[in-house]
Protein backbone atom coordinates (compact mmCIF):
# COMPACT_ATOMS: atom_id res chain seq x y z
CA UNK A 1 158.71 72.76 89.86
CA UNK A 2 155.48 72.22 91.83
CA UNK A 3 154.92 75.97 91.88
CA UNK A 4 155.32 76.16 88.09
CA UNK A 5 152.85 73.30 87.60
CA UNK A 6 150.40 75.04 89.91
CA UNK A 7 150.74 78.30 87.97
CA UNK A 8 150.10 76.57 84.66
CA UNK A 9 147.09 74.80 86.12
CA UNK A 10 145.63 78.16 87.15
CA UNK A 11 146.27 79.60 83.67
CA UNK A 12 144.64 76.63 81.96
CA UNK A 13 141.64 76.90 84.30
CA UNK A 14 141.30 80.64 83.60
CA UNK A 15 141.45 80.12 79.83
CA UNK A 16 138.95 77.27 80.07
CA UNK A 17 136.57 79.42 82.14
CA UNK A 18 136.86 82.30 79.67
CA UNK A 19 136.16 80.01 76.70
CA UNK A 20 133.17 78.36 78.41
CA UNK A 21 131.53 81.69 79.30
CA UNK A 22 132.40 83.11 75.90
CA UNK A 23 130.93 80.13 74.07
CA UNK A 24 127.73 80.37 76.12
CA UNK A 25 127.27 84.05 75.23
CA UNK A 26 128.18 83.49 71.58
CA UNK A 27 125.85 80.50 71.16
CA UNK A 28 122.97 82.35 72.84
CA UNK A 29 123.60 85.36 70.60
CA UNK A 30 123.56 83.50 67.28
CA UNK A 31 120.36 81.69 68.30
CA UNK A 32 118.58 85.03 68.09
CA UNK A 33 119.02 85.32 64.32
CA UNK A 34 118.15 82.88 61.55
CA UNK A 35 119.12 82.72 57.89
CA UNK A 36 116.26 82.49 55.40
CA UNK A 37 117.58 80.89 52.22
CA UNK A 38 114.45 81.76 50.23
CA UNK A 39 114.93 85.51 50.72
CA UNK A 40 118.72 85.39 51.27
CA UNK A 41 118.27 87.39 54.47
CA UNK A 42 119.08 87.11 58.15
CA UNK A 43 115.96 87.52 60.29
CA UNK A 44 115.59 88.23 63.99
CA UNK A 45 113.87 85.32 65.74
CA UNK A 46 114.23 86.74 69.24
CA UNK A 47 112.05 89.16 71.17
CA UNK A 48 112.76 90.65 74.58
CA UNK A 49 109.05 91.28 75.08
CA UNK A 50 108.46 88.17 77.19
CA UNK A 51 111.42 88.94 79.45
CA UNK A 52 110.34 92.55 79.92
CA UNK A 53 106.67 91.76 80.47
CA UNK A 54 107.33 89.06 83.09
CA UNK A 55 109.61 91.23 85.25
CA UNK A 56 109.01 91.10 88.99
CA UNK A 57 110.08 93.12 91.99
CA UNK A 58 110.92 96.79 92.57
CA UNK A 59 112.09 97.38 88.99
CA UNK A 60 109.16 95.56 87.36
CA UNK A 61 107.52 98.80 86.26
CA UNK A 62 110.70 100.01 84.56
CA UNK A 63 111.18 96.77 82.62
CA UNK A 64 107.51 96.42 81.69
CA UNK A 65 107.41 99.98 80.36
CA UNK A 66 110.09 99.04 77.82
CA UNK A 67 107.81 96.37 76.29
CA UNK A 68 104.93 97.16 73.92
CA UNK A 69 101.99 97.96 76.17
CA UNK A 70 99.29 96.55 73.82
CA UNK A 71 97.08 99.59 74.34
CA UNK A 72 98.04 100.10 78.02
CA UNK A 73 96.39 96.87 79.11
CA UNK A 74 98.07 96.85 82.51
CA UNK A 75 96.60 100.25 83.35
CA UNK A 76 93.16 99.63 81.84
CA UNK A 77 92.60 95.89 82.28
CA UNK A 78 94.77 94.64 85.15
CA UNK A 79 92.87 96.53 87.86
CA UNK A 80 91.67 95.34 91.23
CA UNK A 81 87.88 95.16 91.43
CA UNK A 82 85.79 93.41 94.07
CA UNK A 83 82.92 91.41 92.65
CA UNK A 84 79.57 93.14 93.13
CA UNK A 85 76.57 90.76 92.76
CA UNK A 86 74.24 93.45 91.41
CA UNK A 87 76.76 94.74 88.87
CA UNK A 88 77.70 91.18 87.93
CA UNK A 89 74.06 90.29 87.26
CA UNK A 90 73.64 93.42 85.13
CA UNK A 91 76.76 92.55 83.15
CA UNK A 92 75.66 88.93 82.65
CA UNK A 93 72.28 90.10 81.35
CA UNK A 94 73.87 92.53 78.92
CA UNK A 95 76.33 89.92 77.63
CA UNK A 96 73.54 87.39 77.05
CA UNK A 97 71.49 90.00 75.19
CA UNK A 98 74.47 91.13 73.10
CA UNK A 99 75.47 87.59 72.11
CA UNK A 100 71.88 86.67 71.22
CA UNK A 101 71.52 89.77 69.04
CA UNK A 102 74.79 89.18 67.23
CA UNK A 103 74.05 85.51 66.64
CA UNK A 104 70.82 86.55 64.98
CA UNK A 105 72.60 89.10 62.77
CA UNK A 106 75.54 87.02 61.58
CA UNK A 107 73.64 84.60 59.25
CA UNK A 108 72.17 87.52 57.32
CA UNK A 109 75.51 89.34 57.10
CA UNK A 110 73.95 92.33 58.78
CA UNK A 111 76.38 94.83 60.21
CA UNK A 112 75.27 96.96 63.14
CA UNK A 113 77.16 99.69 64.98
CA UNK A 114 79.53 98.24 67.59
CA UNK A 115 78.22 98.34 71.12
CA UNK A 116 80.53 99.00 74.08
CA UNK A 117 78.97 99.00 77.54
CA UNK A 118 80.47 101.63 79.82
CA UNK A 119 79.92 99.35 82.84
CA UNK A 120 81.90 96.49 81.27
CA UNK A 121 85.19 95.64 83.04
CA UNK A 122 86.93 95.99 79.67
CA UNK A 123 85.39 99.38 78.83
CA UNK A 124 88.56 101.41 79.49
CA UNK A 125 90.74 99.01 77.54
CA UNK A 126 88.29 98.92 74.66
CA UNK A 127 88.31 102.71 74.45
CA UNK A 128 92.13 102.75 74.53
CA UNK A 129 92.25 100.24 71.67
CA UNK A 130 89.75 102.22 69.59
CA UNK A 131 91.69 105.46 70.07
CA UNK A 132 94.94 103.77 69.04
CA UNK A 133 93.27 102.29 65.97
CA UNK A 134 91.82 105.69 65.06
CA UNK A 135 95.34 107.15 65.32
CA UNK A 136 96.62 104.39 63.02
CA UNK A 137 93.79 105.06 60.54
CA UNK A 138 94.57 108.78 60.59
CA UNK A 139 98.25 108.16 59.83
CA UNK A 140 97.17 105.96 56.93
CA UNK A 141 94.68 108.51 55.58
CA UNK A 142 97.20 111.33 55.87
CA UNK A 143 99.27 109.78 53.08
CA UNK A 144 98.60 112.18 50.20
CA UNK A 145 99.01 109.78 47.29
CA UNK A 146 96.16 107.46 48.29
CA UNK A 147 93.06 107.52 46.11
CA UNK A 148 89.57 108.42 47.31
CA UNK A 149 88.51 104.81 46.80
CA UNK A 150 91.32 103.60 49.05
CA UNK A 151 90.42 106.16 51.71
CA UNK A 152 86.75 105.16 51.62
CA UNK A 153 87.64 101.48 51.91
CA UNK A 154 89.93 102.21 54.85
CA UNK A 155 86.91 103.52 56.79
CA UNK A 156 85.09 100.26 56.08
CA UNK A 157 88.08 98.24 57.30
CA UNK A 158 88.18 100.24 60.53
CA UNK A 159 84.46 99.76 61.18
CA UNK A 160 84.76 96.03 60.57
CA UNK A 161 87.56 95.66 63.12
CA UNK A 162 85.77 97.92 65.56
CA UNK A 163 82.86 95.46 65.44
CA UNK A 164 85.27 92.53 65.89
CA UNK A 165 86.60 94.28 68.98
CA UNK A 166 83.13 94.89 70.42
CA UNK A 167 82.17 91.24 69.86
CA UNK A 168 85.34 89.91 71.47
CA UNK A 169 85.23 92.14 74.55
CA UNK A 170 81.55 91.32 75.08
CA UNK A 171 82.25 87.58 74.89
CA UNK A 172 85.11 87.88 77.40
CA UNK A 173 83.47 90.42 79.73
CA UNK A 174 82.52 87.92 82.45
CA UNK A 175 85.95 86.27 82.37
CA UNK A 176 87.61 89.70 82.65
CA UNK A 177 85.34 90.52 85.58
CA UNK A 178 86.47 87.31 87.32
CA UNK A 179 90.12 88.16 86.57
CA UNK A 180 89.83 91.59 88.16
CA UNK A 181 88.20 90.02 91.21
CA UNK A 182 91.14 87.60 91.48
CA UNK A 183 93.50 90.59 91.52
CA UNK A 184 91.46 92.00 94.39
CA UNK A 185 91.63 88.69 96.28
CA UNK A 186 95.40 88.50 95.71
CA UNK A 187 95.87 91.99 97.14
CA UNK A 188 93.83 91.03 100.19
CA UNK A 189 95.92 87.90 100.70
CA UNK A 190 99.15 89.89 100.55
CA UNK A 191 97.83 92.34 103.14
CA UNK A 192 96.91 89.58 105.63
CA UNK A 193 99.10 89.76 108.76
CA UNK A 194 102.03 87.34 108.66
CA UNK A 195 101.25 85.90 105.21
CA UNK A 196 104.97 86.08 104.32
CA UNK A 197 106.01 84.15 107.44
CA UNK A 198 104.09 80.92 106.85
CA UNK A 199 105.51 78.69 104.07
CA UNK A 200 102.08 77.34 103.13
CA UNK A 201 100.67 80.86 102.70
CA UNK A 202 103.69 81.98 100.73
CA UNK A 203 103.31 79.03 98.35
CA UNK A 204 99.56 79.63 98.00
CA UNK A 205 100.00 83.33 97.22
CA UNK A 206 102.84 82.54 94.79
CA UNK A 207 100.61 80.11 92.89
CA UNK A 208 97.76 82.61 92.92
CA UNK A 209 100.07 85.33 91.59
CA UNK A 210 101.29 83.05 88.79
CA UNK A 211 97.69 82.30 87.78
CA UNK A 212 96.77 85.98 87.76
CA UNK A 213 99.86 86.82 85.70
CA UNK A 214 99.01 84.18 83.07
CA UNK A 215 95.32 84.99 82.73
CA UNK A 216 95.41 88.12 80.52
CA UNK A 217 97.82 86.53 78.05
CA UNK A 218 95.04 85.17 75.82
CA UNK A 219 93.27 88.53 75.67
CA UNK A 220 96.43 90.44 74.88
CA UNK A 221 97.35 87.89 72.19
CA UNK A 222 93.92 88.20 70.56
CA UNK A 223 94.09 91.99 70.48
CA UNK A 224 97.56 91.76 68.94
CA UNK A 225 96.06 89.50 66.27
CA UNK A 226 93.38 92.12 65.60
CA UNK A 227 96.08 94.82 65.44
CA UNK A 228 97.94 92.78 62.84
CA UNK A 229 94.76 92.03 60.89
CA UNK A 230 93.80 95.70 60.74
CA UNK A 231 97.27 96.67 59.52
CA UNK A 232 97.32 93.86 56.93
CA UNK A 233 93.92 94.83 55.50
CA UNK A 234 94.85 98.50 55.29
CA UNK A 235 98.12 97.53 53.61
CA UNK A 236 96.14 95.29 51.26
CA UNK A 237 94.29 98.33 49.89
CA UNK A 238 97.45 99.17 47.95
CA UNK A 239 98.10 97.71 44.53
CA UNK A 240 101.09 95.40 44.04
CA UNK A 241 103.00 98.22 42.36
CA UNK A 242 102.24 100.61 45.22
CA UNK A 243 103.37 98.09 47.83
CA UNK A 244 106.80 97.92 46.16
CA UNK A 245 107.11 101.69 45.83
CA UNK A 246 107.75 104.63 48.15
CA UNK A 247 104.02 104.67 48.92
CA UNK A 248 104.29 101.17 50.38
CA UNK A 249 107.20 102.30 52.56
CA UNK A 250 105.18 105.25 53.87
CA UNK A 251 102.17 103.03 54.56
CA UNK A 252 104.35 100.49 56.37
CA UNK A 253 105.77 103.26 58.54
CA UNK A 254 102.29 104.63 59.27
CA UNK A 255 100.99 101.21 60.29
CA UNK A 256 103.96 100.28 62.50
CA UNK A 257 103.48 100.93 66.18
CA UNK A 258 106.27 103.18 67.57
CA UNK A 259 106.53 100.82 70.54
CA UNK A 260 107.19 97.94 68.17
CA UNK A 261 110.01 99.87 66.50
CA UNK A 262 111.54 100.54 69.92
CA UNK A 263 111.34 96.84 70.80
CA UNK A 264 112.95 95.92 67.45
CA UNK A 265 115.88 98.22 68.22
CA UNK A 266 116.21 96.66 71.68
CA UNK A 267 116.19 93.16 70.18
CA UNK A 268 119.03 94.11 67.83
CA UNK A 269 120.98 95.73 70.69
CA UNK A 270 120.62 92.68 72.97
CA UNK A 271 121.66 90.35 70.14
CA UNK A 272 124.73 92.46 69.32
CA UNK A 273 125.75 92.76 72.98
CA UNK A 274 125.40 89.05 73.76
CA UNK A 275 127.12 87.93 70.55
CA UNK A 276 129.83 90.59 70.84
CA UNK A 277 130.65 89.66 74.42
CA UNK A 278 130.89 86.01 73.39
CA UNK A 279 133.24 86.72 70.47
CA UNK A 280 135.50 88.93 72.57
CA UNK A 281 135.78 86.36 75.35
CA UNK A 282 136.47 83.54 72.91
CA UNK A 283 139.25 85.55 71.26
CA UNK A 284 140.52 87.04 74.48
CA UNK A 285 140.03 90.47 72.93
CA UNK A 286 139.25 93.48 75.16
CA UNK A 287 138.45 90.87 77.79
CA UNK A 288 137.98 93.24 80.71
CA UNK A 289 135.53 95.44 78.81
CA UNK A 290 133.64 92.45 77.40
CA UNK A 291 133.40 90.79 80.81
CA UNK A 292 132.11 93.98 82.45
CA UNK A 293 129.52 94.50 79.69
CA UNK A 294 128.42 90.88 80.03
CA UNK A 295 128.19 91.21 83.81
CA UNK A 296 126.05 94.35 83.51
CA UNK A 297 123.75 92.57 81.06
CA UNK A 298 123.31 89.65 83.45
CA UNK A 299 122.75 92.08 86.31
CA UNK A 300 119.83 93.58 84.41
CA UNK A 301 118.41 90.09 83.87
CA UNK A 302 118.76 89.23 87.56
CA UNK A 303 117.21 92.54 88.61
CA UNK A 304 114.04 91.56 86.74
CA UNK A 305 113.59 88.38 88.83
CA UNK A 306 114.69 89.02 92.44
CA UNK A 307 114.35 85.74 94.36
CA UNK A 308 112.65 87.30 97.38
CA UNK A 309 109.59 88.34 95.32
CA UNK A 310 106.74 85.79 95.13
CA UNK A 311 106.41 84.36 91.64
CA UNK A 312 109.94 85.24 90.53
CA UNK A 313 111.95 82.71 88.51
CA UNK A 314 114.53 81.98 91.19
CA UNK A 315 116.35 79.33 89.14
CA UNK A 316 117.08 81.94 86.49
CA UNK A 317 118.40 84.33 89.13
CA UNK A 318 120.84 81.87 90.72
CA UNK A 319 121.92 80.47 87.37
CA UNK A 320 122.76 83.98 86.14
CA UNK A 321 124.41 84.82 89.47
CA UNK A 322 127.05 82.11 88.99
CA UNK A 323 127.96 83.38 85.53
CA UNK A 324 127.85 86.98 86.78
CA UNK A 325 130.48 86.08 89.41
CA UNK A 326 132.60 84.35 86.75
CA UNK A 327 132.52 87.44 84.53
CA UNK A 328 133.58 89.70 87.38
CA UNK A 329 136.47 87.35 88.07
CA UNK A 330 137.52 87.35 84.40
CA UNK A 331 137.37 91.14 84.34
CA UNK A 332 139.46 91.47 87.50
CA UNK A 333 142.13 89.02 86.25
CA UNK A 334 142.17 90.27 82.66
CA UNK A 335 142.00 86.67 81.40
CA UNK A 336 142.68 87.65 77.79
CA UNK A 337 146.38 88.05 78.53
CA UNK A 338 146.69 84.24 78.43
CA UNK A 339 146.04 82.52 75.09
CA UNK A 340 144.18 85.59 73.87
CA UNK A 341 144.59 88.57 71.55
CA UNK A 342 144.96 90.86 74.55
CA UNK A 343 148.42 89.33 75.06
CA UNK A 344 149.44 90.37 71.52
CA UNK A 345 147.89 93.85 71.88
CA UNK A 346 149.58 94.33 75.23
CA UNK A 347 152.93 93.28 73.74
CA UNK A 348 152.58 95.66 70.78
CA UNK A 349 151.54 98.49 73.07
CA UNK A 350 154.49 97.88 75.43
CA UNK A 351 156.92 97.76 72.49
CA UNK A 352 155.54 101.02 71.11
CA UNK A 353 155.88 102.75 74.48
CA UNK A 354 159.44 101.46 74.80
CA UNK A 355 160.29 102.76 71.31
CA UNK A 356 158.79 106.16 72.06
CA UNK A 357 160.70 106.31 75.36
CA UNK A 358 163.98 105.48 73.65
CA UNK A 359 163.33 108.13 71.00
CA UNK A 360 162.71 110.80 73.63
CA UNK A 361 165.99 109.91 75.41
């Protein structure tokens, strides 16, 4: 009798564990979509971009490459550069002159050619952005059904945003210079002998790394806003009828960044995987497969934030580690055979095999 009670206690605990993990996955999955009653549509409200962009450790490059690069800002903007007093003074003088000139032009509505200084710390990024915008403009202009008026106006839209870009990068040039110098200082701190052996130094470098990681966020967000504005104004050159026709579809495709489409597919995949794992665990259906898929998903999340790397979100790692262990346990036990559909499937499969065996005899 005690042994039977013990066995039932284990079964109840296994079912409870399976339902808890399943409910967590399911609830996290359905949070990623939202129903819009006005349009009678389900919309994705989740993006993996933040998770991918904030990856740390040995696999950081792999994860970050899956996120939209916003014109390769990590390669062009996040570079180590020691502050040079002479170059800094030259840059400060140019910025002051540029801002003064533009402030004098704005009241009159005068438009001058955009000015990009090749010695600016944002010069490479600015050129990358301009080339990407030119590629977007070319895809738009290659649409055969657009009128000459629309094509001419598209050139004006591009020039306007090119000037916006020049103004913004000039205004932020000194801040970007300071940011690149902070990257240099961080690299020097990490190369100091024994920095990773003294708790105070580890904490200081971790805080410095976090500050450096946060700094470019405002610049990237502003450039994304300019990207969206450029696309919206080019799309606005179409008439209402054109926007609802095949022309509008072609324009939308031309103005959509391929990296954004890839991220959208990833968002849908993550949502389906998380929700699907949750449903299967709740129903006890294909429990082993669902638990293994869920464990692999959590493993990818943990791999993006290894706790031994300064600046990693260690709480996320250990939180996911507990659930990862639970999923491996559920997979090994095959917990769906108790109070789950796997029990019914297993029974039907066994009966079919028995019937086939009897028929052969």
